[in-house]
Amino acid sequence: MTDQTDTQTFTVGIMLYPDFDLLDIAGPYEVFTFFDGSIIDRDVKVVTVAQQKAPVKATGGLMVTPAYDFECCPPIDMLFVPGAGPGMTSTIGNDAFLHFLRRAAAGARYVTSVCTGGILLASAGLLDGYQATTHWSCIDCLKLFPNVIVVNGCPRYVHDRNRVTGGGISSTIDEALFMVETIVTDFTGDAAKGAQATKSVQLSIQYNPQPPYPGGDPCSVDYATYAPVAAGMKGFRDAVCKAVSARVRES
């Protein structure tokens, strides 16, 4: 990663690693593709980054080729870490991956994640002293980090200074829209411009969710729906918590 900053570009760097969730990255990619950076006098660029410049398999098998590897990645203004499936456990202990997160975050204006990507930010020490959240199934895992302040309830995302962490997979679109508003407001000093820019993107992607049923998180569904889903995720949660415990012991 170079040390020179292109002041005319705002770069969103989306991390890829084994078993990343496709919607986690597709949401912000789509939102920022429709974001007109001229309002902040920047050319908004969305890039994907992985440890090696080779196709990375998402959960479900789809392959995505990153634009950059760790060595050639340009400076990142907004670091974004998605969540993942079983590959989470090995990535929690991947020192090269976590080192890159720390290095990229040091020069970034915003450090963000969605779903279990928050576990990786915490593994890199980037959520110490910050309020944060993650996918509801792994809240107990995030609580294993002694210096992370895990919020109560089922928030779509949590904003604490320049850290933004999202809840489960679908919240990636809500969070990305919030980031558009935050970025425009920060750059222009005008909250109204931030709101208008976000409304424009939301309209462009026709984001007006109307799910077939209310709910969608443990705070809003009945126990009959929650219990079997939670039981099905127990193996994943236990594996993530075990990997987190090992990481915390090493720290």
Protein backbone atom coordinates (compact mmCIF):
# COMPACT_ATOMS: atom_id res chain seq x y z
CA MET A 1 0.00 0.00 0.00
CA THR A 2 1.43 3.36 -1.00
CA ASP A 3 1.75 6.33 1.36
CA GLN A 4 0.66 8.96 -1.15
CA THR A 5 -2.91 10.17 -0.92
CA ASP A 6 -4.84 11.21 -4.00
CA THR A 7 -6.83 14.17 -2.68
CA GLN A 8 -9.14 14.04 -5.71
CA THR A 9 -10.36 10.52 -5.02
CA PHE A 10 -12.45 9.03 -2.24
CA THR A 11 -11.71 5.31 -2.15
CA VAL A 12 -13.98 2.73 -0.57
CA GLY A 13 -11.96 -0.41 0.07
CA ILE A 14 -14.04 -3.59 0.43
CA MET A 15 -12.18 -6.53 1.91
CA LEU A 16 -12.50 -10.05 0.50
CA TYR A 17 -11.57 -13.26 2.30
CA PRO A 18 -12.71 -16.90 2.11
CA ASP A 19 -16.46 -17.43 2.52
CA PHE A 20 -17.32 -13.71 2.58
CA ASP A 21 -21.02 -13.05 2.22
CA LEU A 22 -21.93 -11.74 -1.22
CA LEU A 23 -24.74 -9.41 -0.13
CA ASP A 24 -22.44 -7.88 2.47
CA ILE A 25 -20.23 -6.50 -0.29
CA ALA A 26 -22.88 -6.06 -3.00
CA GLY A 27 -24.88 -3.61 -0.88
CA PRO A 28 -22.16 -0.98 -0.37
CA TYR A 29 -20.75 -1.59 -3.83
CA GLU A 30 -24.12 -0.72 -5.37
CA VAL A 31 -24.79 2.24 -3.09
CA PHE A 32 -21.40 3.85 -3.68
CA THR A 33 -21.58 3.18 -7.41
CA PHE A 34 -24.65 5.45 -7.49
CA PHE A 35 -23.10 8.06 -5.18
CA ASP A 36 -22.27 11.25 -7.09
CA GLY A 37 -18.97 12.30 -5.56
CA SER A 38 -19.03 15.71 -7.19
CA ILE A 39 -20.91 16.99 -4.15
CA ILE A 40 -17.73 16.44 -2.12
CA ASP A 41 -15.41 17.35 -5.00
CA ARG A 42 -14.12 13.80 -5.19
CA ASP A 43 -14.17 10.94 -7.64
CA VAL A 44 -15.69 8.08 -5.62
CA LYS A 45 -13.93 4.81 -6.35
CA VAL A 46 -14.98 1.41 -5.00
CA VAL A 47 -12.28 -1.27 -4.94
CA THR A 48 -12.04 -4.82 -3.66
CA VAL A 49 -8.95 -5.98 -1.77
CA ALA A 50 -7.72 -9.44 -0.78
CA GLN A 51 -4.53 -10.97 0.52
CA GLN A 52 -3.69 -12.19 -2.96
CA LYS A 53 -4.90 -11.00 -6.33
CA ALA A 54 -6.70 -14.23 -7.11
CA PRO A 55 -10.39 -15.15 -7.17
CA VAL A 56 -11.94 -15.44 -3.71
CA LYS A 57 -14.89 -17.76 -3.13
CA ALA A 58 -17.97 -16.29 -1.48
CA THR A 59 -20.36 -18.30 0.65
CA GLY A 60 -22.31 -20.35 -1.89
CA GLY A 61 -19.39 -20.69 -4.29
CA LEU A 62 -19.44 -17.54 -6.44
CA MET A 63 -15.90 -16.39 -7.24
CA VAL A 64 -14.91 -12.70 -7.08
CA THR A 65 -11.55 -11.41 -8.30
CA PRO A 66 -10.17 -8.56 -6.18
CA ALA A 67 -8.86 -5.43 -7.83
CA TYR A 68 -5.87 -5.24 -5.46
CA ASP A 69 -3.80 -7.32 -3.10
CA PHE A 70 -2.28 -6.10 0.15
CA GLU A 71 0.93 -4.93 -1.51
CA CYS A 72 -0.50 -2.81 -4.32
CA CYS A 73 -3.62 -1.45 -2.64
CA PRO A 74 -4.00 2.34 -2.88
CA PRO A 75 -4.79 4.45 0.20
CA ILE A 76 -8.30 3.73 1.50
CA ASP A 77 -10.63 6.45 2.76
CA MET A 78 -13.39 4.12 3.93
CA LEU A 79 -12.40 0.62 5.00
CA PHE A 80 -15.27 -1.86 4.80
CA VAL A 81 -15.10 -5.41 6.18
CA PRO A 82 -17.92 -7.84 5.32
CA GLY A 83 -19.00 -10.87 7.30
CA ALA A 84 -18.59 -14.48 6.24
CA GLY A 85 -19.45 -18.10 6.75
CA PRO A 86 -17.04 -20.82 7.97
CA GLY A 87 -14.03 -18.90 6.62
CA MET A 88 -14.46 -16.50 9.53
CA THR A 89 -12.73 -18.84 11.93
CA SER A 90 -9.45 -19.01 10.02
CA THR A 91 -9.50 -15.30 9.16
CA ILE A 92 -9.81 -14.38 12.85
CA GLY A 93 -6.34 -15.91 13.28
CA ASN A 94 -4.87 -14.64 10.00
CA ASP A 95 -2.16 -12.24 11.17
CA ALA A 96 -1.45 -10.92 7.67
CA PHE A 97 -5.12 -10.04 7.17
CA LEU A 98 -5.43 -8.37 10.57
CA HIS A 99 -2.17 -6.48 10.07
CA PHE A 100 -3.49 -5.08 6.79
CA LEU A 101 -6.72 -3.99 8.50
CA ARG A 102 -4.70 -2.07 11.09
CA ARG A 103 -2.48 -0.53 8.44
CA ALA A 104 -5.40 0.50 6.22
CA ALA A 105 -7.44 1.79 9.18
CA ALA A 106 -4.56 4.02 10.30
CA GLY A 107 -4.97 6.16 7.18
CA ALA A 108 -8.74 5.82 6.70
CA ARG A 109 -11.32 8.47 7.55
CA TYR A 110 -13.89 5.76 8.29
CA VAL A 111 -13.53 2.17 9.52
CA THR A 112 -16.66 0.11 8.94
CA SER A 113 -18.00 -3.43 8.90
CA VAL A 114 -21.21 -5.33 8.55
CA CYS A 115 -22.37 -8.62 10.02
CA THR A 116 -19.52 -10.72 11.44
CA GLY A 117 -17.02 -8.36 9.83
CA GLY A 118 -17.17 -6.60 13.20
CA ILE A 119 -15.53 -9.67 14.73
CA LEU A 120 -12.57 -9.16 12.40
CA LEU A 121 -12.26 -5.47 13.25
CA ALA A 122 -12.30 -6.45 16.92
CA SER A 123 -9.70 -9.17 16.28
CA ALA A 124 -7.43 -6.48 14.84
CA GLY A 125 -7.97 -4.32 17.93
CA LEU A 126 -9.83 -1.70 15.90
CA LEU A 127 -12.95 -1.68 18.07
CA ASP A 128 -11.22 -1.31 21.42
CA GLY A 129 -13.03 1.44 23.30
CA TYR A 130 -15.80 1.69 20.70
CA GLN A 131 -19.47 0.77 20.76
CA ALA A 132 -20.20 -1.92 18.19
CA THR A 133 -22.52 -4.65 16.99
CA THR A 134 -22.46 -7.69 14.72
CA HIS A 135 -24.83 -10.38 13.41
CA TRP A 136 -27.17 -11.35 16.24
CA SER A 137 -25.96 -14.95 16.20
CA CYS A 138 -22.43 -13.85 17.15
CA ILE A 139 -23.10 -11.11 19.70
CA ASP A 140 -21.76 -13.42 22.42
CA CYS A 141 -18.54 -13.79 20.42
CA LEU A 142 -18.09 -10.03 20.13
CA LYS A 143 -18.59 -9.74 23.89
CA LEU A 144 -15.48 -11.90 24.41
CA PHE A 145 -13.32 -8.91 23.43
CA PRO A 146 -12.89 -7.17 26.79
CA ASN A 147 -12.44 -3.67 25.39
CA VAL A 148 -15.33 -3.65 22.91
CA ILE A 149 -18.56 -2.03 24.08
CA VAL A 150 -21.32 -4.22 22.64
CA VAL A 151 -24.63 -2.37 22.41
CA ASN A 152 -27.92 -3.88 23.50
CA GLY A 153 -30.81 -4.70 21.22
CA CYS A 154 -30.82 -5.39 17.49
CA PRO A 155 -29.53 -2.21 15.77
CA ARG A 156 -29.15 -2.09 12.01
CA TYR A 157 -25.83 -0.34 12.58
CA VAL A 158 -23.92 1.42 15.34
CA HIS A 159 -22.03 4.68 14.83
CA ASP A 160 -19.26 5.62 17.26
CA ARG A 161 -16.95 8.39 16.06
CA ASN A 162 -15.35 7.10 12.84
CA ARG A 163 -16.35 3.50 13.46
CA VAL A 164 -19.57 2.08 12.01
CA THR A 165 -20.50 -1.56 12.54
CA GLY A 166 -23.56 -3.20 11.04
CA GLY A 167 -25.90 -5.93 12.13
CA GLY A 168 -26.76 -8.93 9.98
CA ILE A 169 -26.32 -9.27 6.24
CA SER A 170 -29.21 -7.19 4.89
CA SER A 171 -28.28 -4.18 7.03
CA THR A 172 -25.39 -3.56 4.65
CA ILE A 173 -27.62 -1.37 2.44
CA ASP A 174 -28.93 0.70 5.36
CA GLU A 175 -25.41 1.19 6.65
CA ALA A 176 -23.99 2.14 3.25
CA LEU A 177 -26.73 4.76 2.82
CA PHE A 178 -25.93 6.10 6.26
CA MET A 179 -22.29 6.34 5.24
CA VAL A 180 -23.19 8.41 2.17
CA GLU A 181 -25.01 10.86 4.43
CA THR A 182 -22.14 10.90 6.92
CA ILE A 183 -19.48 11.46 4.28
CA VAL A 184 -21.34 14.28 2.52
CA THR A 185 -22.17 15.97 5.82
CA ASP A 186 -18.57 15.70 7.03
CA PHE A 187 -17.07 17.02 3.79
CA THR A 188 -19.54 19.86 3.23
CA GLY A 189 -20.53 20.69 6.79
CA ASP A 190 -24.12 20.68 5.58
CA ALA A 191 -26.45 18.03 7.00
CA ALA A 192 -29.14 18.92 4.47
CA LYS A 193 -26.79 18.09 1.61
CA GLY A 194 -25.96 14.80 3.30
CA ALA A 195 -29.62 13.90 3.59
CA GLN A 196 -30.39 14.88 0.00
CA ALA A 197 -27.45 12.91 -1.39
CA THR A 198 -28.65 9.83 0.48
CA LYS A 199 -32.24 10.25 -0.69
CA SER A 200 -30.98 10.47 -4.28
CA VAL A 201 -29.02 7.22 -3.99
CA GLN A 202 -31.92 5.50 -2.24
CA LEU A 203 -34.22 6.49 -5.09
CA SER A 204 -31.66 5.46 -7.73
CA ILE A 205 -31.51 1.92 -6.38
CA GLN A 206 -35.27 1.94 -5.58
CA TYR A 207 -34.62 0.99 -1.98
CA ASN A 208 -38.06 0.83 -0.37
CA PRO A 209 -38.04 -2.55 1.37
CA GLN A 210 -41.37 -4.25 1.81
CA PRO A 211 -40.62 -7.74 3.19
CA PRO A 212 -43.42 -10.29 3.13
CA TYR A 213 -43.41 -10.52 6.93
CA PRO A 214 -42.55 -8.09 9.73
CA GLY A 215 -39.52 -8.81 11.86
CA GLY A 216 -36.23 -10.26 10.80
CA ASP A 217 -34.18 -10.07 13.99
CA PRO A 218 -34.47 -11.63 17.47
CA CYS A 219 -36.03 -8.45 18.83
CA SER A 220 -39.01 -8.60 16.48
CA VAL A 221 -39.91 -12.23 15.79
CA ASP A 222 -41.80 -14.80 17.80
CA TYR A 223 -39.91 -17.52 19.63
CA ALA A 224 -41.28 -20.24 17.36
CA THR A 225 -39.46 -18.59 14.47
CA TYR A 226 -36.36 -17.67 16.44
CA ALA A 227 -35.63 -20.99 18.18
CA PRO A 228 -34.97 -23.25 15.14
CA VAL A 229 -32.98 -20.57 13.30
CA ALA A 230 -30.82 -19.93 16.35
CA ALA A 231 -30.30 -23.66 16.81
CA GLY A 232 -29.21 -23.97 13.20
CA MET A 233 -26.62 -21.23 13.70
CA LYS A 234 -25.27 -22.61 16.99
CA GLY A 235 -22.45 -24.58 15.38
CA PHE A 236 -21.22 -21.50 13.51
CA ARG A 237 -21.51 -19.30 16.58
CA ASP A 238 -19.61 -21.79 18.73
CA ALA A 239 -16.82 -22.07 16.15
CA VAL A 240 -16.50 -18.27 15.90
CA CYS A 241 -16.50 -17.86 19.68
CA LYS A 242 -13.81 -20.53 19.98
CA ALA A 243 -11.63 -18.76 17.41
CA VAL A 244 -12.21 -15.42 19.17
CA SER A 245 -11.27 -16.91 22.54
CA ALA A 246 -8.01 -18.19 21.06
CA ARG A 247 -7.30 -14.77 19.56
CA VAL A 248 -8.00 -12.96 22.84
CA ARG A 249 -5.64 -15.30 24.70
CA GLU A 250 -2.88 -14.50 22.21
CA SER A 251 -3.36 -10.74 22.54
